[in-house]
């Protein structure tokens, strides 16, 4: 019974090792490398997009802060590229 158990353990380990080796061998092929590169490019594009969104949000927030300061100190209310007097 003990020998049958160890035979089963050996077969299971062999199958698992075989699958891992096949996966690693595929990653070394041109198709596997292309897949890895495309995944990395997709991840990079997502990170660049998120960075751009963060920068735009920060710019809008800072522009609002600056507009509030200008309005408070000068009485000129700014709307985008146009400027009007606050007391109009």
C-alpha atoms as a PDB file:
ATOM      1  CA  UNK A   1       0.000   0.000   0.000  1.00  0.00           C
ATOM      2  CA  UNK A   2       2.850   2.352   0.846  1.00  0.00           C
ATOM      3  CA  UNK A   3       4.483   1.784  -2.541  1.00  0.00           C
ATOM      4  CA  UNK A   4       1.231   2.593  -4.326  1.00  0.00           C
ATOM      5  CA  UNK A   5       0.965   5.846  -2.357  1.00  0.00           C
ATOM      6  CA  UNK A   6       4.484   6.924  -3.287  1.00  0.00           C
ATOM      7  CA  UNK A   7       3.872   5.950  -6.899  1.00  0.00           C
ATOM      8  CA  UNK A   8       0.833   8.259  -6.926  1.00  0.00           C
ATOM      9  CA  UNK A   9       2.825  11.068  -5.331  1.00  0.00           C
ATOM     10  CA  UNK A  10       5.563  10.628  -7.934  1.00  0.00           C
ATOM     11  CA  UNK A  11       3.097  10.660 -10.832  1.00  0.00           C
ATOM     12  CA  UNK A  12       1.383  13.793  -9.481  1.00  0.00           C
ATOM     13  CA  UNK A  13       4.735  15.544  -8.990  1.00  0.00           C
ATOM     14  CA  UNK A  14       5.827  14.532 -12.488  1.00  0.00           C
ATOM     15  CA  UNK A  15       2.650  15.913 -14.055  1.00  0.00           C
ATOM     16  CA  UNK A  16       2.939  19.185 -12.121  1.00  0.00           C
ATOM     17  CA  UNK A  17       6.613  19.568 -13.035  1.00  0.00           C
ATOM     18  CA  UNK A  18       5.883  18.743 -16.672  1.00  0.00           C
ATOM     19  CA  UNK A  19       3.224  21.453 -16.862  1.00  0.00           C
ATOM     20  CA  UNK A  20       5.495  24.041 -15.264  1.00  0.00           C
ATOM     21  CA  UNK A  21       8.337  23.193 -17.635  1.00  0.00           C
ATOM     22  CA  UNK A  22       6.034  23.359 -20.655  1.00  0.00           C
ATOM     23  CA  UNK A  23       4.813  26.796 -19.517  1.00  0.00           C
ATOM     24  CA  UNK A  24       8.376  28.059 -19.043  1.00  0.00           C
ATOM     25  CA  UNK A  25       9.411  26.663 -22.427  1.00  0.00           C
ATOM     26  CA  UNK A  26       6.474  28.468 -24.084  1.00  0.00           C
ATOM     27  CA  UNK A  27       7.530  31.753 -22.486  1.00  0.00           C
ATOM     28  CA  UNK A  28      10.935  31.384 -24.162  1.00  0.00           C
ATOM     29  CA  UNK A  29       9.424  31.008 -27.648  1.00  0.00           C
ATOM     30  CA  UNK A  30       8.861  34.065 -29.865  1.00  0.00           C
ATOM     31  CA  UNK A  31       5.100  33.798 -29.324  1.00  0.00           C
ATOM     32  CA  UNK A  32       5.560  33.700 -25.558  1.00  0.00           C
ATOM     33  CA  UNK A  33       7.938  36.654 -25.606  1.00  0.00           C
ATOM     34  CA  UNK A  34       5.508  38.629 -27.780  1.00  0.00           C
ATOM     35  CA  UNK A  35       2.721  37.856 -25.334  1.00  0.00           C
ATOM     36  CA  UNK A  36       4.844  39.069 -22.414  1.00  0.00           C
ATOM     37  CA  UNK A  37       5.800  42.246 -24.277  1.00  0.00           C
ATOM     38  CA  UNK A  38       2.195  42.976 -25.217  1.00  0.00           C
ATOM     39  CA  UNK A  39       1.115  42.510 -21.590  1.00  0.00           C
ATOM     40  CA  UNK A  40       3.869  44.866 -20.445  1.00  0.00           C
ATOM     41  CA  UNK A  41       2.910  47.471 -23.061  1.00  0.00           C
ATOM     42  CA  UNK A  42      -0.747  47.249 -22.047  1.00  0.00           C
ATOM     43  CA  UNK A  43       0.226  47.749 -18.405  1.00  0.00           C
ATOM     44  CA  UNK A  44       2.485  50.689 -19.311  1.00  0.00           C
ATOM     45  CA  UNK A  45      -0.265  52.328 -21.371  1.00  0.00           C
ATOM     46  CA  UNK A  46      -2.656  52.022 -18.443  1.00  0.00           C
ATOM     47  CA  UNK A  47      -0.120  53.563 -16.078  1.00  0.00           C
ATOM     48  CA  UNK A  48       0.576  56.451 -18.468  1.00  0.00           C
ATOM     49  CA  UNK A  49      -3.157  57.067 -18.865  1.00  0.00           C
ATOM     50  CA  UNK A  50      -3.674  57.090 -15.108  1.00  0.00           C
ATOM     51  CA  UNK A  51      -0.727  59.463 -14.678  1.00  0.00           C
ATOM     52  CA  UNK A  52      -2.167  61.808 -17.306  1.00  0.00           C
ATOM     53  CA  UNK A  53      -5.550  61.785 -15.574  1.00  0.00           C
ATOM     54  CA  UNK A  54      -3.894  62.582 -12.237  1.00  0.00           C
ATOM     55  CA  UNK A  55      -1.939  65.453 -13.801  1.00  0.00           C
ATOM     56  CA  UNK A  56      -5.084  66.899 -15.417  1.00  0.00           C
ATOM     57  CA  UNK A  57      -7.005  66.651 -12.146  1.00  0.00           C
ATOM     58  CA  UNK A  58      -4.157  68.366 -10.304  1.00  0.00           C
ATOM     59  CA  UNK A  59      -3.992  71.119 -12.913  1.00  0.00           C
ATOM     60  CA  UNK A  60      -7.729  71.760 -12.651  1.00  0.00           C
ATOM     61  CA  UNK A  61      -7.550  71.828  -8.868  1.00  0.00           C
ATOM     62  CA  UNK A  62      -4.621  74.244  -8.895  1.00  0.00           C
ATOM     63  CA  UNK A  63      -6.320  76.466 -11.493  1.00  0.00           C
ATOM     64  CA  UNK A  64      -9.408  76.653  -9.268  1.00  0.00           C
ATOM     65  CA  UNK A  65      -7.234  77.594  -6.279  1.00  0.00           C
ATOM     66  CA  UNK A  66      -5.510  80.329  -8.284  1.00  0.00           C
ATOM     67  CA  UNK A  67      -8.833  81.666  -9.577  1.00  0.00           C
ATOM     68  CA  UNK A  68     -10.142  81.832  -6.013  1.00  0.00           C
ATOM     69  CA  UNK A  69      -7.042  83.743  -4.884  1.00  0.00           C
ATOM     70  CA  UNK A  70      -7.332  86.211  -7.787  1.00  0.00           C
ATOM     71  CA  UNK A  71     -11.039  86.730  -7.091  1.00  0.00           C
ATOM     72  CA  UNK A  72     -10.398  87.238  -3.385  1.00  0.00           C
ATOM     73  CA  UNK A  73      -7.526  89.696  -3.796  1.00  0.00           C
ATOM     74  CA  UNK A  74      -8.547  91.689  -6.864  1.00  0.00           C
ATOM     75  CA  UNK A  75     -12.290  91.314  -7.141  1.00  0.00           C
ATOM     76  CA  UNK A  76     -11.888  90.048 -10.702  1.00  0.00           C
ATOM     77  CA  UNK A  77     -13.777  86.843 -11.307  1.00  0.00           C
ATOM     78  CA  UNK A  78     -12.100  84.602 -13.887  1.00  0.00           C
ATOM     79  CA  UNK A  79     -14.064  82.159 -16.023  1.00  0.00           C
ATOM     80  CA  UNK A  80     -11.700  80.123 -18.172  1.00  0.00           C
ATOM     81  CA  UNK A  81      -9.862  82.493 -20.534  1.00  0.00           C
ATOM     82  CA  UNK A  82     -12.287  85.401 -19.951  1.00  0.00           C
ATOM     83  CA  UNK A  83     -12.096  87.856 -17.090  1.00  0.00           C
ATOM     84  CA  UNK A  84     -15.029  89.904 -15.718  1.00  0.00           C
ATOM     85  CA  UNK A  85     -15.470  92.217 -12.778  1.00  0.00           C
ATOM     86  CA  UNK A  86     -17.095  90.547  -9.769  1.00  0.00           C
ATOM     87  CA  UNK A  87     -19.331  93.561  -9.178  1.00  0.00           C
ATOM     88  CA  UNK A  88     -20.896  93.514 -12.700  1.00  0.00           C
END
